[in-house]
Each structure stands twice: as C-alpha cells, then as structure tokens.
C-alpha atoms as a PDB file:
ATOM      1  CA  MET A   1      -2.457  11.459  12.513  1.00  0.00           C
ATOM      2  CA  VAL A   2      -3.167   9.476  15.517  1.00  0.00           C
ATOM      3  CA  HIS A   3      -1.185   6.600  17.053  1.00  0.00           C
ATOM      4  CA  ASP A   4      -3.935   3.661  17.536  1.00  0.00           C
ATOM      5  CA  GLU A   5      -4.514   2.107  20.880  1.00  0.00           C
ATOM      6  CA  GLY A   6      -2.350  -0.003  22.216  1.00  0.00           C
ATOM      7  CA  ALA A   7       0.468   1.185  19.900  1.00  0.00           C
ATOM      8  CA  ASP A   8       3.973   1.267  20.029  1.00  0.00           C
ATOM      9  CA  ARG A   9       4.754   5.178  20.133  1.00  0.00           C
ATOM     10  CA  ALA A  10       8.646   5.198  19.664  1.00  0.00           C
ATOM     11  CA  VAL A  11       8.059   3.265  16.936  1.00  0.00           C
ATOM     12  CA  PRO A  12       8.679   6.426  13.676  1.00  0.00           C
ATOM     13  CA  LEU A  13       6.057   7.949  12.132  1.00  0.00           C
ATOM     14  CA  PRO A  14       6.144   7.825   8.446  1.00  0.00           C
ATOM     15  CA  SER A  15       8.717   8.954   6.858  1.00  0.00           C
ATOM     16  CA  TYR A  16      10.239   9.848   3.406  1.00  0.00           C
ATOM     17  CA  GLU A  17      14.317   8.494   3.536  1.00  0.00           C
ATOM     18  CA  THR A  18      15.830  10.937   0.717  1.00  0.00           C
ATOM     19  CA  ALA A  19      14.718  14.125  -0.241  1.00  0.00           C
ATOM     20  CA  GLY A  20      13.380  12.942  -3.959  1.00  0.00           C
ATOM     21  CA  ALA A  21      10.996   9.456  -2.023  1.00  0.00           C
ATOM     22  CA  ALA A  22       7.295  10.115  -3.233  1.00  0.00           C
ATOM     23  CA  GLY A  23       6.679   7.879  -0.874  1.00  0.00           C
ATOM     24  CA  ALA A  24       7.080   7.524   3.252  1.00  0.00           C
ATOM     25  CA  ASP A  25       7.807   4.365   4.656  1.00  0.00           C
ATOM     26  CA  LEU A  26       5.666   2.971   6.809  1.00  0.00           C
ATOM     27  CA  ARG A  27       6.247   0.536   9.773  1.00  0.00           C
ATOM     28  CA  ALA A  28       5.271  -2.317  11.249  1.00  0.00           C
ATOM     29  CA  ASN A  29       3.585  -1.517  15.004  1.00  0.00           C
ATOM     30  CA  PHE A  30       2.678  -5.253  16.920  1.00  0.00           C
ATOM     31  CA  GLY A  31       2.462  -3.200  19.917  1.00  0.00           C
ATOM     32  CA  ASP A  32       2.713  -6.293  22.577  1.00  0.00           C
ATOM     33  CA  ARG A  33       2.382  -9.010  20.209  1.00  0.00           C
ATOM     34  CA  GLY A  34       6.298  -9.037  18.483  1.00  0.00           C
ATOM     35  CA  THR A  35       6.960 -10.540  15.135  1.00  0.00           C
ATOM     36  CA  ALA A  36       4.980 -12.106  12.021  1.00  0.00           C
ATOM     37  CA  THR A  37       6.053 -14.709   9.936  1.00  0.00           C
ATOM     38  CA  LEU A  38       4.617 -15.272   6.663  1.00  0.00           C
ATOM     39  CA  ASP A  39       5.570 -18.846   4.503  1.00  0.00           C
ATOM     40  CA  PRO A  40       5.139 -18.458   1.131  1.00  0.00           C
ATOM     41  CA  GLY A  41       2.172 -18.098  -0.098  1.00  0.00           C
ATOM     42  CA  GLU A  42       0.683 -16.083   3.149  1.00  0.00           C
ATOM     43  CA  ARG A  43      -0.711 -12.947   4.006  1.00  0.00           C
ATOM     44  CA  CYS A  44      -1.280 -11.282   6.584  1.00  0.00           C
ATOM     45  CA  LEU A  45      -3.013  -7.697   8.239  1.00  0.00           C
ATOM     46  CA  VAL A  46       0.210  -5.643   9.712  1.00  0.00           C
ATOM     47  CA  PRO A  47      -0.798  -3.018  11.731  1.00  0.00           C
ATOM     48  CA  THR A  48       0.913   0.345  11.383  1.00  0.00           C
ATOM     49  CA  GLY A  49       0.152   1.642  15.237  1.00  0.00           C
ATOM     50  CA  LEU A  50      -1.487   4.975  13.277  1.00  0.00           C
ATOM     51  CA  ARG A  51      -4.959   6.473  12.107  1.00  0.00           C
ATOM     52  CA  ILE A  52      -4.890   9.188   9.558  1.00  0.00           C
ATOM     53  CA  GLU A  53      -7.150  11.990   8.630  1.00  0.00           C
ATOM     54  CA  ILE A  54      -6.480  12.472   4.925  1.00  0.00           C
ATOM     55  CA  PRO A  55      -7.789  15.876   3.673  1.00  0.00           C
ATOM     56  CA  ASP A  56     -10.769  16.137   1.224  1.00  0.00           C
ATOM     57  CA  GLY A  57      -9.725  15.696  -2.300  1.00  0.00           C
ATOM     58  CA  TYR A  58      -7.409  13.209  -0.949  1.00  0.00           C
ATOM     59  CA  GLU A  59      -6.330   9.890  -1.004  1.00  0.00           C
ATOM     60  CA  VAL A  60      -3.330   7.950   0.770  1.00  0.00           C
ATOM     61  CA  GLN A  61      -2.379   5.118  -2.210  1.00  0.00           C
ATOM     62  CA  ILE A  62      -0.029   1.875   0.176  1.00  0.00           C
ATOM     63  CA  ARG A  63       2.285   0.509  -2.093  1.00  0.00           C
ATOM     64  CA  PRO A  64       4.588  -2.168  -1.936  1.00  0.00           C
ATOM     65  CA  ARG A  65       8.777  -1.258  -0.458  1.00  0.00           C
ATOM     66  CA  SER A  66      11.050  -2.319  -3.893  1.00  0.00           C
ATOM     67  CA  GLY A  67      14.007  -4.028  -1.955  1.00  0.00           C
ATOM     68  CA  LEU A  68      11.794  -6.645  -0.174  1.00  0.00           C
ATOM     69  CA  ALA A  69       9.651  -7.763  -3.502  1.00  0.00           C
ATOM     70  CA  LEU A  70      13.185  -8.071  -5.119  1.00  0.00           C
ATOM     71  CA  LYS A  71      14.892  -9.503  -2.125  1.00  0.00           C
ATOM     72  CA  HIS A  72      12.514 -11.344  -0.623  1.00  0.00           C
ATOM     73  CA  GLY A  73       8.963 -12.068  -3.095  1.00  0.00           C
ATOM     74  CA  VAL A  74       7.445  -9.893  -0.189  1.00  0.00           C
ATOM     75  CA  THR A  75       4.614  -7.390  -1.710  1.00  0.00           C
ATOM     76  CA  LEU A  76       0.785  -6.115  -1.565  1.00  0.00           C
ATOM     77  CA  PRO A  77      -1.473  -8.136  -3.416  1.00  0.00           C
ATOM     78  CA  ASN A  78      -3.947  -5.481  -3.390  1.00  0.00           C
ATOM     79  CA  ALA A  79      -1.482  -2.888  -4.517  1.00  0.00           C
ATOM     80  CA  PRO A  80      -1.947   0.150  -4.419  1.00  0.00           C
ATOM     81  CA  GLY A  81      -3.975  -0.317  -1.663  1.00  0.00           C
ATOM     82  CA  THR A  82      -6.638   3.138  -1.251  1.00  0.00           C
ATOM     83  CA  ILE A  83      -7.233   4.814   1.593  1.00  0.00           C
ATOM     84  CA  ASP A  84     -10.282   7.011   1.016  1.00  0.00           C
ATOM     85  CA  SER A  85     -10.497  10.809   2.580  1.00  0.00           C
ATOM     86  CA  ASP A  86     -13.567   9.487   4.959  1.00  0.00           C
ATOM     87  CA  TYR A  87     -11.626   6.686   6.541  1.00  0.00           C
ATOM     88  CA  ARG A  88     -10.802   6.797  10.190  1.00  0.00           C
ATOM     89  CA  GLY A  89     -10.013   3.488  11.574  1.00  0.00           C
ATOM     90  CA  PRO A  90      -6.654   1.609  11.922  1.00  0.00           C
ATOM     91  CA  LEU A  91      -4.372   1.676   9.280  1.00  0.00           C
ATOM     92  CA  GLY A  92      -3.022  -2.048   8.699  1.00  0.00           C
ATOM     93  CA  VAL A  93      -1.412  -2.753   5.600  1.00  0.00           C
ATOM     94  CA  ILE A  94      -1.761  -6.236   3.598  1.00  0.00           C
ATOM     95  CA  VAL A  95       1.281  -8.000   3.256  1.00  0.00           C
ATOM     96  CA  MET A  96       2.210 -11.481   1.198  1.00  0.00           C
ATOM     97  CA  ASN A  97       5.069 -13.990   1.335  1.00  0.00           C
ATOM     98  CA  ALA A  98       5.289 -13.974  -2.926  1.00  0.00           C
ATOM     99  CA  GLY A  99       8.993 -15.923  -2.541  1.00  0.00           C
ATOM    100  CA  SER A 100       9.786 -19.302  -1.260  1.00  0.00           C
ATOM    101  CA  GLU A 101      11.246 -18.801   1.252  1.00  0.00           C
ATOM    102  CA  PRO A 102       9.568 -17.349   5.540  1.00  0.00           C
ATOM    103  CA  PHE A 103       9.535 -14.072   6.040  1.00  0.00           C
ATOM    104  CA  THR A 104       9.022 -12.490   9.798  1.00  0.00           C
ATOM    105  CA  ILE A 105       8.482  -8.739  10.066  1.00  0.00           C
ATOM    106  CA  ALA A 106       9.795  -7.424  13.058  1.00  0.00           C
ATOM    107  CA  HIS A 107       8.024  -4.983  15.454  1.00  0.00           C
ATOM    108  CA  GLY A 108       9.465  -1.629  13.757  1.00  0.00           C
ATOM    109  CA  ASP A 109      10.118  -3.090  10.139  1.00  0.00           C
ATOM    110  CA  ARG A 110       9.234  -1.195   7.017  1.00  0.00           C
ATOM    111  CA  ILE A 111       6.503  -2.599   5.667  1.00  0.00           C
ATOM    112  CA  ALA A 112       5.049  -0.781   2.744  1.00  0.00           C
ATOM    113  CA  GLN A 113       5.645   3.028   1.526  1.00  0.00           C
ATOM    114  CA  MET A 114       2.156   5.560   1.677  1.00  0.00           C
ATOM    115  CA  VAL A 115       1.750   7.882  -1.292  1.00  0.00           C
ATOM    116  CA  VAL A 116      -0.450  11.089  -0.852  1.00  0.00           C
ATOM    117  CA  ALA A 117      -2.043  11.655  -4.074  1.00  0.00           C
ATOM    118  CA  PRO A 118      -5.086  14.152  -5.441  1.00  0.00           C
ATOM    119  CA  VAL A 119      -8.219  12.358  -6.255  1.00  0.00           C
ATOM    120  CA  THR A 120      -9.869  13.565  -9.351  1.00  0.00           C
ATOM    121  CA  ARG A 121     -13.628  12.373 -10.043  1.00  0.00           C
ATOM    122  CA  ALA A 122     -15.414  11.317 -12.639  1.00  0.00           C
ATOM    123  CA  GLN A 123     -18.839  11.840 -13.873  1.00  0.00           C
ATOM    124  CA  PHE A 124     -20.346   8.933 -15.493  1.00  0.00           C
ATOM    125  CA  GLU A 125     -22.646   8.855 -18.438  1.00  0.00           C
ATOM    126  CA  LEU A 126     -24.175   5.743 -20.376  1.00  0.00           C
ATOM    127  CA  ALA A 127     -23.575   6.811 -24.538  1.00  0.00           C
ATOM    128  CA  ASP A 128     -24.843   4.972 -27.433  1.00  0.00           C
ATOM    129  CA  GLU A 129     -21.057   4.622 -28.657  1.00  0.00           C
ATOM    130  CA  LEU A 130     -17.749   5.433 -28.712  1.00  0.00           C
ATOM    131  CA  THR A 131     -15.075   7.330 -30.212  1.00  0.00           C
ATOM    132  CA  GLY A 132     -13.191   5.660 -32.704  1.00  0.00           C
ATOM    133  CA  THR A 133      -9.305   5.350 -32.492  1.00  0.00           C
ATOM    134  CA  SER A 134      -6.093   3.928 -34.346  1.00  0.00           C
ATOM    135  CA  ARG A 135      -5.789   1.284 -31.318  1.00  0.00           C
ATOM    136  CA  GLY A 136      -9.817   0.137 -31.483  1.00  0.00           C
ATOM    137  CA  ALA A 137     -10.523  -2.125 -28.565  1.00  0.00           C
ATOM    138  CA  GLY A 138      -6.636  -4.142 -28.861  1.00  0.00           C
ATOM    139  CA  GLY A 139      -6.515  -5.088 -25.437  1.00  0.00           C
ATOM    140  CA  PHE A 140      -3.744  -7.370 -23.512  1.00  0.00           C
ATOM    141  CA  GLY A 141      -0.574  -7.615 -26.009  1.00  0.00           C
ATOM    142  CA  SER A 142      -2.504  -6.200 -28.735  1.00  0.00           C
ATOM    143  CA  THR A 143       0.767  -3.398 -29.153  1.00  0.00           C
ATOM    144  CA  GLY A 144       3.317  -5.722 -28.968  1.00  0.00           C
ATOM    145  CA  ARG A 145       5.286  -8.792 -27.214  1.00  0.00           C
ATOM    146  CA  GLY A 146       3.819  -8.601 -23.660  1.00  0.00           C
END
C-alpha cells in the first residue's frame, strides 16, 4: 500500500476497528480539497489517497458501512465494488446519498470498508442443456414472500 500523490499522509491507513471485524475501514483523503457534500440522490468518487498491491489469487471488495447506511442513507451504488489484483491506480470509493438530507463527507471520515477475499476462477463451457432441480427456473420471489 502506498500513498497517492497529493494525499495527506496523516490520514490513518485502513484499519480493523474490532478484533472480529472482516472489513478494514477506509477513510476519505481529500488532500487540500477539504470536504464533499452530497445532496439526496447525488453520488461522487471519494479519494482514499491510497494505491494498493493485491496478491494474485485475491481481490479487495469495497462495501458500505452499515451505520452510514442506516443513519444517513449513505451507501455505495456498486456494492460490493471489486478491485482486481492487477489494478495499480488510485483507490477511490463511489459514494451515494440515498437519504433525504444533504450529507457532508469530511477529510478523514470513515466512508467504506475493505474486505480482502480469495478469488476462484471458473472455466465456462457452452452446454446443450442443464441438469434439473426441484427449483427449476423459479426466480425472483419464487420461494415465498419477497
């Protein structure tokens, strides 16, 4: 992990806030730009000031923070976002205000969580038919309410 050019190095690196946490919190790093205010329905790319090197066979998933989602309606529209092991660019988080009030993200705020996960790659084949199951082609809501 390295700091991006112009990043404030005083902003803490991602960290696990509890012993059982699966996700490490990512923080906004606006450098000298200050804050970002999102009106309801608006989204923006929030810089973290970081670039990361992910080992082959792994990915990093970017997920919303549940407290921001519940209390303010702030979420990530592409959750979970995936960062591939061969990406070396700046790490930014797409944040959306799905709430009813403007929301300000300040420099250093925890904005998302990052989960490191193994990747299993599949081989894809074209088949003439699929094996049957008791569910069959039943999709959205086919197993009950919702």
